[in-house]
PDB file of N, CA and C in Angstrom:
ATOM      1  N   MET A   1    -133.610   2.948 116.985  1.00  0.00           N
ATOM      2  CA  MET A   1    -134.794   3.813 117.099  1.00  0.00           C
ATOM      3  C   MET A   1    -134.522   5.042 116.099  1.00  0.00           C
ATOM      4  N   ILE A   2    -133.526   5.691 116.373  1.00  0.00           N
ATOM      5  CA  ILE A   2    -133.375   6.945 115.383  1.00  0.00           C
ATOM      6  C   ILE A   2    -133.241   6.466 114.078  1.00  0.00           C
ATOM      7  N   ASP A   3    -132.773   5.517 113.683  1.00  0.00           N
ATOM      8  CA  ASP A   3    -132.658   4.911 112.378  1.00  0.00           C
ATOM      9  C   ASP A   3    -134.102   4.960 111.797  1.00  0.00           C
ATOM     10  N   ASN A   4    -134.794   4.185 112.532  1.00  0.00           N
ATOM     11  CA  ASN A   4    -136.543   3.923 111.893  1.00  0.00           C
ATOM     12  C   ASN A   4    -137.010   5.397 111.889  1.00  0.00           C
ATOM     13  N   PHE A   5    -136.913   6.297 112.746  1.00  0.00           N
ATOM     14  CA  PHE A   5    -137.411   7.451 112.481  1.00  0.00           C
ATOM     15  C   PHE A   5    -136.820   8.154 111.501  1.00  0.00           C
ATOM     16  N   ALA A   6    -135.721   8.186 111.076  1.00  0.00           N
ATOM     17  CA  ALA A   6    -135.022   8.809 110.052  1.00  0.00           C
ATOM     18  C   ALA A   6    -135.659   8.466 108.813  1.00  0.00           C
ATOM     19  N   LEU A   7    -135.618   7.050 108.613  1.00  0.00           N
ATOM     20  CA  LEU A   7    -136.293   6.468 107.433  1.00  0.00           C
ATOM     21  C   LEU A   7    -137.583   6.670 107.222  1.00  0.00           C
ATOM     22  N   GLY A   8    -138.344   6.856 108.337  1.00  0.00           N
ATOM     23  CA  GLY A   8    -139.836   7.008 108.301  1.00  0.00           C
ATOM     24  C   GLY A   8    -139.965   8.512 107.930  1.00  0.00           C
ATOM     25  N   LEU A   9    -139.254   9.307 108.380  1.00  0.00           N
ATOM     26  CA  LEU A   9    -139.567  10.675 108.038  1.00  0.00           C
ATOM     27  C   LEU A   9    -139.303  11.099 106.679  1.00  0.00           C
ATOM     28  N   THR A  10    -138.150  10.499 106.091  1.00  0.00           N
ATOM     29  CA  THR A  10    -137.600  10.706 104.572  1.00  0.00           C
ATOM     30  C   THR A  10    -138.777  10.316 103.718  1.00  0.00           C
ATOM     31  N   HIS A  11    -139.121   9.141 104.089  1.00  0.00           N
ATOM     32  CA  HIS A  11    -140.084   8.302 103.109  1.00  0.00           C
ATOM     33  C   HIS A  11    -141.620   9.163 103.200  1.00  0.00           C
ATOM     34  N   ALA A  12    -141.966   9.662 104.336  1.00  0.00           N
ATOM     35  CA  ALA A  12    -142.960  10.309 104.537  1.00  0.00           C
ATOM     36  C   ALA A  12    -142.936  11.667 103.651  1.00  0.00           C
ATOM     37  N   LEU A  13    -141.715  12.344 103.840  1.00  0.00           N
ATOM     38  CA  LEU A  13    -141.453  13.649 103.044  1.00  0.00           C
ATOM     39  C   LEU A  13    -141.362  13.254 101.440  1.00  0.00           C
ATOM     40  N   LEU A  14    -140.793  12.109 100.977  1.00  0.00           N
ATOM     41  CA  LEU A  14    -140.995  11.819  99.692  1.00  0.00           C
ATOM     42  C   LEU A  14    -142.362  11.545  99.247  1.00  0.00           C
ATOM     43  N   LEU A  15    -143.095  10.818 100.022  1.00  0.00           N
ATOM     44  CA  LEU A  15    -144.665  10.776  99.762  1.00  0.00           C
ATOM     45  C   LEU A  15    -145.427  11.990  99.499  1.00  0.00           C
ATOM     46  N   LEU A  16    -145.328  12.969 100.450  1.00  0.00           N
ATOM     47  CA  LEU A  16    -145.965  14.399 100.452  1.00  0.00           C
ATOM     48  C   LEU A  16    -145.725  14.779  99.143  1.00  0.00           C
ATOM     49  N   ALA A  17    -144.451  14.915  98.698  1.00  0.00           N
ATOM     50  CA  ALA A  17    -143.887  15.568  97.486  1.00  0.00           C
ATOM     51  C   ALA A  17    -144.519  15.104  96.251  1.00  0.00           C
ATOM     52  N   ALA A  18    -144.603  13.636  96.380  1.00  0.00           N
ATOM     53  CA  ALA A  18    -145.203  13.017  95.117  1.00  0.00           C
ATOM     54  C   ALA A  18    -146.700  13.142  95.186  1.00  0.00           C
ATOM     55  N   TRP A  19    -147.095  13.118  96.192  1.00  0.00           N
ATOM     56  CA  TRP A  19    -148.681  13.484  96.191  1.00  0.00           C
ATOM     57  C   TRP A  19    -149.092  14.876  95.864  1.00  0.00           C
ATOM     58  N   ARG A  20    -148.171  15.911  96.222  1.00  0.00           N
ATOM     59  CA  ARG A  20    -148.586  17.252  95.800  1.00  0.00           C
ATOM     60  C   ARG A  20    -148.094  17.429  94.166  1.00  0.00           C
ATOM     61  N   LEU A  21    -147.305  16.769  93.708  1.00  0.00           N
ATOM     62  CA  LEU A  21    -147.003  16.686  92.353  1.00  0.00           C
ATOM     63  C   LEU A  21    -148.125  16.179  91.548  1.00  0.00           C
ATOM     64  N   LEU A  22    -148.581  15.033  91.885  1.00  0.00           N
ATOM     65  CA  LEU A  22    -149.703  14.235  91.479  1.00  0.00           C
ATOM     66  C   LEU A  22    -150.973  14.743  91.082  1.00  0.00           C
ATOM     67  N   SER A  23    -151.095  15.712  92.336  1.00  0.00           N
ATOM     68  CA  SER A  23    -152.389  16.375  92.437  1.00  0.00           C
ATOM     69  C   SER A  23    -152.547  17.722  91.720  1.00  0.00           C
ATOM     70  N   ARG A  24    -151.417  17.968  91.128  1.00  0.00           N
ATOM     71  CA  ARG A  24    -151.695  19.199  90.318  1.00  0.00           C
ATOM     72  C   ARG A  24    -152.806  19.030  89.203  1.00  0.00           C
ATOM     73  N   PRO A  25    -153.412  20.104  88.826  1.00  0.00           N
ATOM     74  CA  PRO A  25    -154.452  19.907  87.801  1.00  0.00           C
ATOM     75  C   PRO A  25    -153.764  20.221  86.469  1.00  0.00           C
ATOM     76  N   ASP A  26    -152.721  20.569  86.324  1.00  0.00           N
ATOM     77  CA  ASP A  26    -152.051  20.877  84.865  1.00  0.00           C
ATOM     78  C   ASP A  26    -151.012  19.724  84.802  1.00  0.00           C
ATOM     79  N   LEU A  27    -151.269  18.856  85.524  1.00  0.00           N
ATOM     80  CA  LEU A  27    -149.996  17.575  85.331  1.00  0.00           C
ATOM     81  C   LEU A  27    -150.430  17.040  83.930  1.00  0.00           C
ATOM     82  N   ALA A  28    -151.600  16.899  83.454  1.00  0.00           N
ATOM     83  CA  ALA A  28    -151.536  16.027  82.058  1.00  0.00           C
ATOM     84  C   ALA A  28    -152.513  16.912  81.161  1.00  0.00           C
ATOM     85  N   ASP A  29    -152.782  18.177  81.530  1.00  0.00           N
ATOM     86  CA  ASP A  29    -153.399  19.016  80.489  1.00  0.00           C
ATOM     87  C   ASP A  29    -152.720  20.321  80.023  1.00  0.00           C
ATOM     88  N   ASP A  30    -152.175  20.044  78.776  1.00  0.00           N
ATOM     89  CA  ASP A  30    -151.369  20.924  78.267  1.00  0.00           C
ATOM     90  C   ASP A  30    -152.134  22.537  78.165  1.00  0.00           C
ATOM     91  N   ALA A  31    -153.436  22.556  77.999  1.00  0.00           N
ATOM     92  CA  ALA A  31    -154.196  23.523  77.761  1.00  0.00           C
ATOM     93  C   ALA A  31    -154.477  24.262  78.906  1.00  0.00           C
ATOM     94  N   ALA A  32    -154.263  23.792  80.200  1.00  0.00           N
ATOM     95  CA  ALA A  32    -154.884  24.148  81.387  1.00  0.00           C
ATOM     96  C   ALA A  32    -154.019  25.345  81.833  1.00  0.00           C
ATOM     97  N   PRO A  33    -154.756  26.516  82.317  1.00  0.00           N
ATOM     98  CA  PRO A  33    -154.235  27.786  82.669  1.00  0.00           C
ATOM     99  C   PRO A  33    -153.158  27.530  83.743  1.00  0.00           C
ATOM    100  N   ARG A  34    -151.970  28.241  83.454  1.00  0.00           N
ATOM    101  CA  ARG A  34    -151.027  28.137  84.483  1.00  0.00           C
ATOM    102  C   ARG A  34    -151.430  28.820  85.891  1.00  0.00           C
ATOM    103  N   THR A  35    -151.046  28.220  86.885  1.00  0.00           N
ATOM    104  CA  THR A  35    -151.290  28.802  88.200  1.00  0.00           C
ATOM    105  C   THR A  35    -150.436  29.893  88.361  1.00  0.00           C
ATOM    106  N   PRO A  36    -150.840  30.815  89.242  1.00  0.00           N
ATOM    107  CA  PRO A  36    -149.590  31.964  89.670  1.00  0.00           C
ATOM    108  C   PRO A  36    -148.755  31.264  90.664  1.00  0.00           C
ATOM    109  N   ARG A  37    -147.459  31.643  90.442  1.00  0.00           N
ATOM    110  CA  ARG A  37    -146.393  31.159  91.437  1.00  0.00           C
ATOM    111  C   ARG A  37    -146.762  31.765  92.706  1.00  0.00           C
ATOM    112  N   ARG A  38    -146.532  31.184  93.646  1.00  0.00           N
ATOM    113  CA  ARG A  38    -146.601  31.226  95.008  1.00  0.00           C
ATOM    114  C   ARG A  38    -145.353  31.472  95.669  1.00  0.00           C
ATOM    115  N   GLY A  39    -145.118  32.165  96.745  1.00  0.00           N
ATOM    116  CA  GLY A  39    -143.763  32.040  97.537  1.00  0.00           C
ATOM    117  C   GLY A  39    -143.804  31.346  98.547  1.00  0.00           C
ATOM    118  N   TRP A  40    -142.994  31.464  99.408  1.00  0.00           N
ATOM    119  CA  TRP A  40    -143.115  30.734 100.774  1.00  0.00           C
ATOM    120  C   TRP A  40    -144.225  31.379 101.449  1.00  0.00           C
ATOM    121  N   PHE A  41    -145.056  30.488 102.274  1.00  0.00           N
ATOM    122  CA  PHE A  41    -146.019  30.809 103.181  1.00  0.00           C
ATOM    123  C   PHE A  41    -147.296  31.795 102.688  1.00  0.00           C
ATOM    124  N   GLY A  42    -147.455  31.121 101.082  1.00  0.00           N
ATOM    125  CA  GLY A  42    -148.456  31.722 100.176  1.00  0.00           C
ATOM    126  C   GLY A  42    -148.357  33.135  99.990  1.00  0.00           C
ATOM    127  N   LYS A  43    -147.090  33.790 100.057  1.00  0.00           N
ATOM    128  CA  LYS A  43    -146.804  35.031  99.541  1.00  0.00           C
ATOM    129  C   LYS A  43    -146.797  35.094  98.362  1.00  0.00           C
ATOM    130  N   ASP A  44    -147.049  36.075  97.428  1.00  0.00           N
ATOM    131  CA  ASP A  44    -147.045  36.346  95.995  1.00  0.00           C
ATOM    132  C   ASP A  44    -145.387  36.289  95.670  1.00  0.00           C
ATOM    133  N   ALA A  45    -144.962  35.767  94.791  1.00  0.00           N
ATOM    134  CA  ALA A  45    -143.584  35.635  94.352  1.00  0.00           C
ATOM    135  C   ALA A  45    -143.414  36.778  93.201  1.00  0.00           C
TER     136      ALA A  45
END
């Protein structure tokens, strides 16, 4: 049971990271304005 949970959790985290990277507006547009860097919990970096 714990093995299935660990596999599911890691795959879900990988899918979340890929989804966030692919949903960036500046992914394929070199002329897109750079978004300001945000720190942890939305604080300015």
